Protein backbone atom coordinates (compact mmCIF):
# COMPACT_ATOMS: atom_id res chain seq x y z
CA THR A 1 93.23 85.07 87.81
CA THR A 2 92.96 86.17 91.39
CA THR A 3 93.98 83.91 94.30
CA THR A 4 91.27 83.50 97.08
CA GLN A 5 92.59 84.45 100.21
CA HIS A 6 91.55 83.78 104.28
CA THR A 7 89.96 86.26 105.59
CA HIS A 8 89.80 87.38 109.64
CA ASN A 9 88.96 90.93 111.04
CA GLU A 10 91.31 93.71 112.34
CA GLU A 11 90.45 92.90 116.04
CA GLY A 12 91.55 88.84 115.67
CA THR A 13 94.82 90.06 114.07
CA GLU A 14 95.69 92.30 116.77
CA LYS A 15 94.78 89.47 119.02
CA THR A 16 96.76 86.58 117.33
CA PHE A 17 99.71 89.31 117.25
CA ASP A 18 99.45 89.18 121.23
CA LYS A 19 98.96 85.44 121.29
CA MET A 20 102.42 85.35 119.09
CA LEU A 21 104.09 87.69 121.60
CA SER A 22 103.00 85.75 124.70
CA SER A 23 103.46 82.20 123.19
CA GLU A 24 107.25 82.75 122.32
CA ALA A 25 108.75 85.42 124.41
CA SER A 26 111.99 84.06 124.56
CA SER A 27 111.84 84.66 120.23
CA THR A 28 114.82 86.98 119.20
CA ALA A 29 115.13 89.47 116.16
CA ALA A 30 118.52 87.44 115.41
CA SER A 31 116.35 83.75 115.40
CA GLN A 32 114.26 85.26 113.07
CA ILE A 33 116.68 86.56 110.53
CA GLU A 34 118.30 83.32 110.56
CA ILE A 35 115.04 82.12 109.31
CA LEU A 36 114.24 84.28 106.76
CA LEU A 37 117.85 84.74 105.14
CA LYS A 38 118.55 80.76 105.09
CA PRO A 39 119.25 79.20 101.74
CA SER A 40 116.06 77.03 100.56
CA ASP A 41 115.86 73.66 101.28
CA VAL A 42 116.15 71.47 98.04
CA ASN A 43 113.43 69.00 99.23
CA THR A 44 111.12 71.59 100.40
CA GLU A 45 111.64 73.26 97.63
CA ALA A 46 110.46 70.70 95.49
CA LYS A 47 107.08 70.43 97.44
CA TYR A 48 106.57 73.94 97.27
CA TYR A 49 106.49 74.08 93.47
CA GLU A 50 104.57 71.16 93.21
CA LYS A 51 101.98 72.76 95.41
CA LEU A 52 102.32 76.07 93.59
CA ILE A 53 101.51 74.66 90.31
CA ARG A 54 98.57 72.10 91.31
CA ARG A 55 97.02 74.83 92.97
CA GLY A 56 97.69 77.15 89.75
CA ILE A 57 96.05 74.73 87.47
CA GLU A 58 92.60 74.41 89.70
CA GLU A 59 92.40 78.25 90.15
CA CYS A 60 93.73 79.61 86.80
CA GLY A 61 92.88 76.59 84.31
CA HIS A 62 95.03 73.60 83.10
CA GLU A 63 96.79 75.19 80.22
CA THR A 64 98.21 78.25 82.44
CA PHE A 65 100.25 76.33 84.90
CA SER A 66 100.67 72.84 83.28
CA ASN A 67 103.11 73.60 80.78
CA VAL A 68 105.98 74.29 82.97
CA CYS A 69 107.74 72.57 86.29
CA VAL A 70 110.78 73.89 87.83
CA GLN A 71 114.05 71.99 88.08
CA ARG A 72 117.29 72.25 89.64
CA HIS A 73 120.32 71.70 87.57
CA HIS A 74 121.48 69.29 89.92
CA HIS A 75 118.94 66.61 91.33
CA THR A 76 119.13 64.80 94.25
CA PRO A 77 117.33 61.80 94.59
CA ALA A 78 114.69 63.37 96.54
CA ALA A 79 113.78 66.02 94.43
CA VAL A 80 113.83 64.16 90.99
CA ALA A 81 111.07 61.60 93.52
CA SER A 82 108.79 64.48 94.17
CA GLY A 83 107.14 64.43 90.82
CA VAL A 84 107.60 68.57 90.14
CA ILE A 85 111.57 68.06 89.41
CA SER A 86 112.59 65.81 87.04
CA PRO A 87 115.65 63.99 85.49
CA PRO A 88 117.38 66.56 83.26
CA PRO A 89 117.17 66.57 79.93
CA ALA A 90 119.91 65.12 77.88
CA ALA A 91 120.57 68.59 76.46
CA ALA A 92 120.81 69.88 79.97
CA ALA A 93 122.74 66.92 81.43
CA ASP A 94 126.27 68.56 80.94
CA VAL A 95 125.20 71.30 83.22
CA ALA A 96 123.06 69.43 85.95
CA ASN A 97 126.25 69.33 88.57
CA ASN A 98 125.16 72.70 91.00
CA ASN A 99 123.04 72.66 94.07
CA ASN A 100 123.03 76.55 94.28
CA SER A 101 119.05 77.62 94.84
CA SER A 102 120.17 80.88 92.81
CA ASN A 103 119.45 81.26 89.18
CA HIS A 104 120.82 84.51 89.01
CA SER A 105 124.15 84.27 91.05
CA ASN A 106 125.73 81.96 88.35
CA MET A 107 127.49 81.68 85.21
CA SER A 108 124.39 81.83 82.63
CA GLY A 109 124.93 78.87 80.27
CA GLY A 110 127.80 77.50 81.78
CA LYS A 111 128.22 75.00 84.38
CA ASN A 112 126.57 76.72 87.31
CA ARG A 113 123.13 77.69 86.42
CA GLY A 114 121.21 76.89 89.84
CA LYS A 115 117.41 76.57 89.30
CA GLY A 116 115.45 76.63 85.94
CA LEU A 117 112.13 76.52 84.21
CA TYR A 118 111.29 73.88 82.02
CA ALA A 119 108.93 72.85 79.28
CA THR A 120 106.27 69.91 80.05
CA ARG A 121 105.55 69.94 76.19
CA ASP A 122 106.23 70.90 72.91
CA PHE A 123 105.47 74.63 71.88
CA ILE A 124 105.49 76.42 68.25
CA VAL A 125 106.14 80.03 67.84
CA GLY A 126 103.81 82.30 69.16
CA ASP A 127 102.22 79.68 71.85
CA ARG A 128 101.55 81.09 75.02
CA VAL A 129 103.87 78.89 77.34
CA LEU A 130 103.00 80.64 80.78
CA ILE A 131 100.18 82.55 81.94
CA GLU A 132 100.94 83.78 85.96
CA PRO A 133 99.32 86.15 88.01
CA PRO A 134 101.91 88.02 90.35
CA LEU A 135 102.95 86.94 93.87
CA VAL A 136 103.14 90.41 94.73
CA ALA A 137 103.03 93.64 92.31
CA MET A 138 102.15 97.23 92.62
CA GLN A 139 101.59 100.24 89.81
CA HIS A 140 104.47 102.92 89.77
CA GLU A 141 103.51 105.99 91.52
CA ARG A 142 104.39 108.04 88.78
CA ASN A 143 101.83 105.97 86.66
CA ARG A 144 99.11 106.67 88.60
CA ASN A 145 97.57 109.62 86.95
CA ASP A 146 97.79 107.96 83.71
CA ALA A 147 96.07 104.62 84.33
CA ILE A 148 93.33 104.14 87.01
CA VAL A 149 93.53 100.24 87.51
CA CYS A 150 92.21 97.78 90.41
CA SER A 151 95.05 97.74 92.89
CA PHE A 152 95.18 94.10 92.95
CA CYS A 153 94.78 92.30 89.68
CA PHE A 154 95.51 95.36 87.74
CA ARG A 155 93.10 95.57 85.47
CA TYR A 156 91.14 99.06 84.00
CA VAL A 157 88.27 100.70 86.26
CA GLY A 158 85.94 103.06 85.55
CA SER A 159 85.22 104.34 81.79
CA ILE A 160 86.98 105.78 78.91
CA GLU A 161 85.94 109.15 79.68
CA LYS A 162 87.51 108.67 83.34
CA GLN A 163 91.07 107.32 82.00
CA ILE A 164 91.11 110.22 79.71
CA GLY A 165 89.62 112.94 82.23
CA GLN A 166 92.02 111.84 84.94
CA ARG A 167 95.19 111.83 82.56
CA LEU A 168 94.16 115.54 81.04
CA PHE A 169 93.30 116.78 84.33
CA HIS A 170 96.17 116.13 85.95
CA GLN A 171 98.17 117.35 82.73
CA LEU A 172 96.66 120.52 82.59
CA SER A 173 96.63 120.93 86.14
CA SER A 174 100.37 121.54 86.04
CA ALA A 175 100.73 123.82 83.08
CA GLN A 176 98.15 125.93 84.91
CA GLU A 177 100.61 126.31 87.71
CA LYS A 178 103.27 127.29 85.61
CA LEU A 179 100.88 129.54 83.82
CA GLN A 180 99.86 131.36 87.08
CA GLN A 181 103.30 131.88 87.84
CA GLN A 182 104.49 133.38 84.49
CA LYS A 183 100.98 135.34 84.80
CA GLU A 184 101.97 136.80 88.15
CA GLN A 185 105.34 137.91 86.22
CA GLN A 186 104.13 139.31 83.94
CA MET A 187 101.60 141.63 85.49
CA GLU A 188 103.60 145.08 85.26
CA ALA A 189 103.51 144.39 81.24
CA THR A 190 100.09 144.92 80.81
CA THR A 191 99.57 143.59 77.44
CA ALA A 192 101.19 140.35 78.29
CA GLY A 193 99.17 139.96 81.83
CA ASP A 194 95.70 140.31 80.11
CA ALA A 195 96.82 137.48 77.19
CA ALA A 196 98.17 135.56 80.16
CA ALA A 197 94.76 136.03 82.11
CA GLU A 198 92.67 135.25 79.09
CA GLU A 199 94.85 131.74 78.35
CA SER A 200 93.98 130.90 82.21
CA ALA A 201 90.16 131.60 82.31
CA ARG A 202 90.00 129.56 79.01
CA ARG A 203 92.41 126.96 80.52
CA SER A 204 90.23 127.03 84.08
CA GLY A 205 87.44 126.07 82.07
CA ASP A 206 88.69 122.99 80.47
CA LEU A 207 89.68 122.44 83.79
CA ASP A 208 86.14 121.95 84.83
CA VAL A 209 85.03 119.84 81.89
CA LEU A 210 88.41 117.29 82.71
CA ASN A 211 87.66 117.20 86.27
CA SER A 212 83.68 116.27 85.37
CA MET A 213 85.29 113.33 83.02
CA ALA A 214 87.37 112.13 85.62
CA SER A 215 85.40 112.33 88.49
CA VAL A 216 81.70 111.02 86.92
CA GLY A 217 82.93 110.10 83.22
CA GLU A 218 80.48 113.18 81.79
CA PRO A 219 80.69 114.39 78.83
CA LYS A 220 80.18 110.83 77.27
CA LEU A 221 82.27 110.05 74.34
CA PRO A 222 80.53 108.22 71.25
CA LEU A 223 81.03 104.59 71.30
CA ALA A 224 83.25 103.95 74.51
CA ASP A 225 80.66 102.36 76.80
CA GLN A 226 79.29 100.25 74.15
CA CYS A 227 82.76 99.01 72.64
CA PHE A 228 85.07 99.46 75.96
CA PRO A 229 83.02 98.91 78.96
CA LEU A 230 85.12 98.42 82.18
CA PRO A 231 84.10 97.53 85.73
CA THR A 232 83.15 100.16 87.82
CA GLU A 233 85.21 101.01 90.69
CA ARG A 234 84.69 99.38 94.23
CA ALA A 235 86.38 101.60 97.08
CA CYS A 236 89.05 100.26 99.74
CA LEU A 237 87.43 98.24 102.73
CA GLY A 238 89.23 100.32 104.86
CA GLY A 239 87.99 103.69 103.19
CA CYS A 240 91.01 105.21 101.85
CA TYR A 241 91.77 107.10 98.40
CA ARG A 242 94.71 105.41 97.18
CA GLU A 243 93.38 102.30 95.85
CA ILE A 244 90.70 101.11 94.07
CA PHE A 245 89.25 97.58 93.04
CA CYS A 246 87.35 96.20 89.74
CA SER A 247 84.81 94.02 91.88
CA ASN A 248 84.18 93.21 95.88
CA GLU A 249 86.58 90.23 95.76
CA CYS A 250 89.63 91.72 94.48
CA ALA A 251 88.85 94.52 97.42
CA GLN A 252 88.47 91.32 99.74
CA ASN A 253 91.53 89.70 98.92
CA ALA A 254 93.40 92.98 98.58
CA TRP A 255 92.33 93.38 102.18
CA SER A 256 93.23 90.08 103.68
CA SER A 257 96.34 89.65 101.67
CA HIS A 258 97.95 93.41 102.64
CA GLU A 259 95.65 96.46 102.58
CA ARG A 260 94.25 95.80 106.17
CA ALA A 261 98.27 97.11 107.00
CA MET A 262 98.77 99.42 104.15
CA CYS A 263 95.28 101.22 104.28
CA ILE A 264 96.11 104.96 105.28
CA GLY A 265 91.75 105.32 105.72
CA ASN A 266 90.36 105.84 109.13
CA LYS A 267 86.91 103.73 108.42
CA SER A 268 86.47 103.54 112.03
CA GLY A 269 86.40 107.02 112.29
CA ASP A 270 88.01 110.00 114.29
CA GLN A 271 87.59 108.87 117.44
CA ASP A 272 90.02 105.83 116.98
CA GLU A 273 93.20 107.70 117.82
CA GLN A 274 95.17 104.26 117.53
CA ALA A 275 93.79 103.84 113.77
CA LYS A 276 94.60 107.87 112.99
CA ASN A 277 98.01 107.32 114.14
CA ARG A 278 98.53 104.33 111.97
CA ALA A 279 97.12 105.85 109.20
CA SER A 280 98.99 108.98 109.60
CA MET A 281 102.56 107.26 109.94
CA MET A 282 101.47 105.04 107.06
CA HIS A 283 101.10 107.93 104.96
CA GLN A 284 104.37 109.27 105.87
CA PHE A 285 105.69 106.09 104.97
CA ILE A 286 104.69 106.27 101.52
CA GLU A 287 105.11 109.50 101.04
CA HIS A 288 108.63 108.95 101.95
CA ALA A 289 109.19 106.03 99.61
CA LYS A 290 107.33 108.41 96.47
CA ASP A 291 110.13 110.90 97.06
CA THR A 292 112.86 108.21 97.32
CA ASN A 293 112.50 104.92 95.59
CA ASP A 294 108.75 103.50 95.41
CA ILE A 295 110.12 99.76 95.74
CA PHE A 296 110.00 100.23 99.55
CA ILE A 297 106.09 100.37 98.96
CA LEU A 298 106.04 97.00 97.30
CA ALA A 299 108.67 95.51 99.91
CA ALA A 300 106.09 96.64 102.60
CA LYS A 301 103.28 94.73 100.79
CA VAL A 302 105.52 91.57 101.64
CA VAL A 303 106.25 92.39 104.90
CA ALA A 304 102.53 92.94 105.17
CA MET A 305 101.50 89.90 103.45
CA VAL A 306 103.84 87.80 105.55
CA THR A 307 102.83 89.17 108.96
CA GLU A 308 98.96 88.35 107.95
CA ASN A 309 99.86 84.63 106.73
CA ALA A 310 101.60 84.38 110.11
CA SER A 311 98.82 85.21 111.98
CA LEU A 312 96.72 83.19 109.92
CA ALA A 313 98.71 79.93 110.34
CA LEU A 314 99.16 80.34 114.38
CA SER A 315 95.44 80.95 114.67
CA ASP A 316 94.38 77.66 112.54
CA ALA A 317 94.37 74.74 114.99
CA SER A 318 94.76 72.18 111.94
CA ASN A 319 97.94 73.54 111.08
CA ASN A 320 99.34 72.52 115.09
CA ILE A 321 101.61 75.28 114.53
CA THR A 322 101.99 77.21 118.10
CA PHE A 323 105.60 79.03 118.09
CA LEU A 324 106.14 82.03 116.58
CA GLY A 325 109.38 80.80 114.49
CA GLU A 326 107.19 78.26 112.48
CA ALA A 327 104.30 80.57 111.96
CA LEU A 328 106.80 82.93 110.29
CA GLU A 329 108.63 80.22 108.25
CA VAL A 330 105.33 79.26 106.81
CA ALA A 331 104.22 82.68 105.83
CA TRP A 332 107.78 83.30 104.64
CA GLU A 333 107.63 80.05 102.07
CA PRO A 334 106.52 81.99 98.65
CA PHE A 335 109.38 84.61 99.09
CA SER A 336 112.08 82.17 100.44
CA ARG A 337 112.63 80.24 96.64
CA VAL A 338 113.23 83.69 95.40
CA GLN A 339 117.10 84.62 94.86
CA LYS A 340 118.05 87.75 97.23
CA ALA A 341 120.68 90.06 97.72
CA ILE A 342 121.03 93.10 100.22
CA TRP A 343 119.36 95.93 97.91
CA TRP A 344 122.41 98.63 98.84
CA ASP A 345 125.34 95.93 97.76
CA ILE A 346 124.12 95.14 94.18
CA VAL A 347 122.62 98.09 93.00
CA ALA A 348 124.44 99.37 90.01
CA ILE A 349 126.36 102.78 90.35
CA PRO A 350 124.69 105.49 88.48
CA SER A 351 127.33 107.00 85.65
CA ASP A 352 127.66 110.18 87.27
CA VAL A 353 129.23 109.01 90.48
CA GLU A 354 132.56 108.49 90.34
CA GLU A 355 134.39 104.97 91.30
CA LYS A 356 135.93 107.54 94.64
CA ASP A 357 132.33 108.09 95.44
CA GLU A 358 130.81 104.43 95.71
CA GLU A 359 130.98 104.36 99.22
CA SER A 360 129.42 107.11 99.86
CA PHE A 361 126.66 106.55 97.37
CA ARG A 362 125.91 103.03 99.34
CA GLN A 363 126.03 104.58 102.60
CA GLN A 364 122.93 106.94 101.04
CA LEU A 365 121.29 103.93 100.04
CA ILE A 366 121.35 102.29 103.90
CA GLU A 367 120.09 105.73 105.12
CA LEU A 368 117.34 105.91 102.58
CA ALA A 369 116.56 102.18 103.67
CA SER A 370 116.86 102.41 106.89
CA GLY A 371 114.71 106.01 106.82
CA SER A 372 111.64 104.10 105.29
CA LEU A 373 111.98 100.81 107.73
CA GLU A 374 111.92 103.21 110.73
CA LEU A 375 108.74 104.65 109.50
CA LEU A 376 106.88 101.71 108.73
CA CYS A 377 108.36 100.39 111.97
CA LYS A 378 106.10 103.13 113.57
CA ALA A 379 102.77 102.57 111.49
CA TRP A 380 102.73 98.44 112.34
CA PRO A 381 104.34 98.77 115.98
CA ASP A 382 102.49 95.73 116.75
CA ARG A 383 103.67 93.86 113.89
CA ALA A 384 107.51 95.12 114.02
CA GLN A 385 107.27 93.67 118.04
CA ALA A 386 105.98 90.24 117.03
CA PHE A 387 108.42 90.12 114.20
CA PRO A 388 111.50 92.03 115.32
CA GLY A 389 113.44 89.94 112.47
CA LEU A 390 111.55 90.15 109.80
CA PHE A 391 111.58 94.33 110.52
CA SER A 392 115.46 94.13 110.94
CA LEU A 393 117.63 96.39 108.38
CA PRO A 394 119.49 93.23 106.90
CA VAL A 395 116.05 91.55 106.07
CA TRP A 396 114.47 94.82 104.99
CA GLY A 397 117.45 95.44 102.48
CA ALA A 398 117.01 91.64 101.41
CA ILE A 399 113.53 92.36 100.58
CA VAL A 400 114.54 95.47 98.02
CA GLY A 401 117.10 93.50 96.87
CA MET A 402 114.83 90.94 95.72
CA PHE A 403 113.19 92.89 93.37
CA GLU A 404 116.30 94.68 92.32
CA LEU A 405 116.82 90.99 90.99
CA ASN A 406 113.76 89.38 89.81
CA ASN A 407 111.47 91.96 89.39
CA LEU A 408 109.33 91.84 85.96
CA GLU A 409 107.66 95.10 84.16
CA LEU A 410 104.16 95.23 85.13
CA VAL A 411 102.40 96.17 81.65
CA VAL A 412 98.52 96.40 80.93
CA GLU A 413 97.83 97.68 77.79
CA SER A 414 95.19 100.75 77.33
CA PRO A 415 91.62 100.86 77.01
CA VAL A 416 92.32 104.23 75.70
CA GLU A 417 94.67 103.70 73.07
CA ASN A 418 92.33 100.73 71.84
CA TYR A 419 89.28 103.24 71.90
CA PHE A 420 91.05 105.59 69.53
CA LEU A 421 92.00 103.24 66.97
CA ALA A 422 88.72 101.80 66.94
CA VAL A 423 87.47 105.51 66.25
CA ASP A 424 90.38 105.76 63.64
CA GLY A 425 89.73 101.82 62.06
CA LEU A 426 85.88 102.87 61.60
CA ALA A 427 84.38 101.45 58.18
CA ASP A 428 81.95 103.41 58.09
CA GLU A 429 83.36 106.57 56.92
CA ASN A 430 79.98 108.99 57.63
CA GLN A 431 80.02 107.46 61.38
CA LYS A 432 83.70 108.15 61.41
CA MET A 433 83.76 112.09 60.75
CA ALA A 434 80.50 112.23 62.81
CA ILE A 435 82.66 111.36 65.91
CA LEU A 436 85.71 112.73 64.88
CA PRO A 437 84.99 116.31 66.29
CA GLN A 438 83.77 114.70 69.62
CA THR A 439 87.06 112.82 69.97
CA GLN A 440 89.91 114.53 68.09
CA PRO A 441 90.25 117.54 70.74
CA PHE A 442 90.87 114.65 73.28
CA LEU A 443 93.14 112.90 71.08
CA ASP A 444 95.41 115.95 70.59
CA ALA A 445 95.29 117.41 73.87
CA LEU A 446 96.64 114.06 74.74
CA ASP A 447 99.22 113.79 72.22
CA VAL A 448 102.18 111.41 72.70
CA LYS A 449 100.56 109.93 75.96
CA TYR A 450 97.93 108.99 74.10
CA ASP A 451 98.81 105.66 74.28
CA ILE A 452 100.20 105.30 77.97
CA PRO A 453 99.95 101.77 79.83
CA CYS A 454 99.40 101.12 83.00
CA LEU A 455 102.96 100.54 84.61
CA GLY A 456 104.88 98.85 87.54
CA THR A 457 106.63 96.22 89.13
CA ALA A 458 106.04 92.56 89.87
CA LEU A 459 107.51 89.30 91.24
CA PHE A 460 106.18 86.28 89.78
CA ALA A 461 106.58 82.86 91.67
CA LEU A 462 107.56 80.84 88.63
CA GLN A 463 108.62 83.24 86.08
CA SER A 464 111.52 84.70 88.43
CA ASN A 465 112.92 80.92 87.63
CA CYS A 466 113.70 81.56 84.26
CA ASN A 467 117.29 82.15 83.24
CA HIS A 468 118.73 84.61 81.28
CA ASP A 469 119.41 84.02 77.43
CA CYS A 470 120.65 86.51 75.06
CA ASP A 471 118.85 85.07 72.55
CA PRO A 472 115.73 83.42 74.42
CA ASN A 473 113.33 81.24 73.48
CA CYS A 474 110.63 83.31 75.14
CA HIS A 475 109.30 86.33 75.72
CA PRO A 476 107.16 88.63 77.67
CA PHE A 477 104.24 89.73 75.77
CA LYS A 478 100.69 90.79 76.15
CA ASP A 479 98.16 91.71 73.64
CA GLU A 480 94.57 93.28 73.73
CA THR A 481 93.16 90.28 75.74
CA ASP A 482 95.30 90.50 78.57
CA ILE A 483 93.82 92.84 80.56
CA ASN A 484 94.87 92.50 83.85
CA GLY A 485 98.63 92.04 85.69
CA SER A 486 99.31 88.44 84.80
CA CYS A 487 102.68 87.53 83.29
CA VAL A 488 102.31 86.22 79.56
CA LEU A 489 105.56 84.56 78.13
CA VAL A 490 105.06 83.40 74.62
CA ALA A 491 107.61 80.81 72.85
CA ARG A 492 109.44 83.16 70.13
CA LYS A 493 111.26 79.87 68.51
CA PRO A 494 110.18 76.27 68.67
CA ILE A 495 110.58 74.18 72.18
CA ARG A 496 110.57 70.82 72.72
CA LYS A 497 109.04 69.22 75.88
CA GLY A 498 112.18 69.10 78.71
CA GLU A 499 113.98 71.88 77.08
CA GLU A 500 114.64 74.66 79.50
CA LEU A 501 112.85 78.17 79.03
CA THR A 502 114.80 81.15 79.02
CA ILE A 503 113.95 84.73 78.59
CA SER A 504 116.31 87.88 78.47
CA TYR A 505 117.29 90.14 81.36
CA LEU A 506 118.43 92.76 78.93
CA GLU A 507 116.09 95.54 77.77
CA ASP A 508 117.97 95.94 74.22
CA ASP A 509 118.97 92.55 72.96
CA GLN A 510 120.69 94.11 70.19
CA LEU A 511 123.70 95.30 72.42
CA ASP A 512 127.03 93.72 71.29
CA TRP A 513 128.83 91.06 73.22
CA SER A 514 130.65 93.63 75.81
CA ARG A 515 127.83 95.59 76.41
CA ARG A 516 125.46 92.94 77.13
CA GLN A 517 127.93 91.63 79.50
CA ASP A 518 128.34 95.21 81.45
CA ALA A 519 124.28 95.12 81.72
CA LEU A 520 124.11 92.10 82.83
CA SER A 521 127.25 92.49 85.88
CA ASP A 522 124.39 93.75 87.69
CA TYR A 523 123.08 90.38 88.48
CA GLY A 524 126.04 88.90 89.22
CA PHE A 525 126.76 86.35 86.40
CA VAL A 526 128.90 86.37 83.52
CA CYS A 527 126.75 85.26 80.68
CA ARG A 528 128.03 82.24 78.17
CA CYS A 529 124.97 81.18 76.29
CA ALA A 530 125.30 79.95 72.56
CA ARG A 531 125.42 83.58 71.13
CA CYS A 532 127.84 85.16 73.37
CA GLU A 533 130.18 82.07 73.06
CA SER A 534 129.88 82.64 69.56
CA GLU A 535 130.67 85.90 68.92
CA VAL A 536 133.11 85.39 71.41
CA SER A 537 135.02 82.68 68.86
CA GLN A 538 134.45 85.13 65.89
CA THR A 539 136.03 87.82 67.98
CA ARG A 540 139.30 85.48 68.75
CA GLY A 541 139.15 84.50 65.40
CA ARG A 542 139.51 88.00 63.80
CA GLN A 543 142.11 89.14 66.28
CA LYS A 544 144.15 86.01 65.00
CA MET A 545 143.58 86.83 61.63
């Protein structure tokens, strides 16, 4: 499910940025911002989705991408003729009268619905409608101690022992720090101090065992390697400690896509002061994001991807691209199709913030975003100089806001959970009784954390076109066979060819109409799906009675 990227060395990248600056010295931030934030064109949009689906079929399999197409609810002759957008089905004819590129800022179920994702064949309940790798994704920072995964495809790596060892090591380390503080406070009470010292010594021994498990996968657990083998970790090509990969292919793909810029390692050695400074500033940017909003890291990935792809577009003679604006437009294309809004304008006000403090709250968000962008500019001075529009605050706010509107939770089931379930489900009772003394202490120590999956945020080019419905015909669903970060949409009711595919944007579909509308207000529309219209009609009927 990974997409092979073009590769080029870092020296070539920097030389290309120099070429960009010299080839279009008159380019201004304002003209770049106009390119980045202009509305999506209908005709080029149709061709883009046609190309995306064709490439997906070639790289990910026919059944993965050929099940769907993207349609606007208002179709121009040129868009229909392109092939990827077909005339709307009869059931959708009454809403096919809008040319807005947004599929979020309109009234779901009403007259203005923008784009949508449609079935190209019939589906029954339980069928997989779409399997799509992310356009860009990240593992949440708070989840990194709970799941060791490939930073590109998000497949679990290492071993069951390493997964358990790392999770418990950090869990026990935190507890050990608290115990040490308690011991120091209790030193005056001899008995209590001795008890705390004994507990601290015991935990130190446990930490040694867990550290060994986390680093080298020892001691081994029965059946782990035989039943749940995981790929060996591959290091980041830049030598940083943050990112690991499941294969050389994923490591190279990540490096070509964004990691060349994001890496905080310094494989070139301490003599390269420029590389050291860049890595140091990137580390500061990441730490700032971890303390404020880790979506800034994902937004930086987008900026890295766009600058890398613009560099490729400009250096590839076959593209006939000679101007910076053209290169930027080509590189921005995958993200130009996605609904955007300025982050600090659309974030819902927390319940503990009073209405009178809204302006102050939003100003704080602007300051957070501005501080983050300032650090990123310092980490990537050459890229910021070549692309001043991309590194402007309005565009940075729009990129962050893009994830606020379109992100889907990335979830990959943990093999640790499956391992413990497999041990518990052993048919041979004698074998089970022999294994449990070795595994049960770890399961008890993990407690409710034994089943924590890999969790993150992702943006999917096709899935992001799905409109909301309070009674959707599809839902995201993954099972034990889904071992990476791809989005999987499954039919939850029968779907006919030509029918629009819908999902729920809400975590809780059981909310009443009023609460659902409140939750959906963050997306900027009033839902008028069949369920909402029915509930409104029932409420009006009761009021008349």
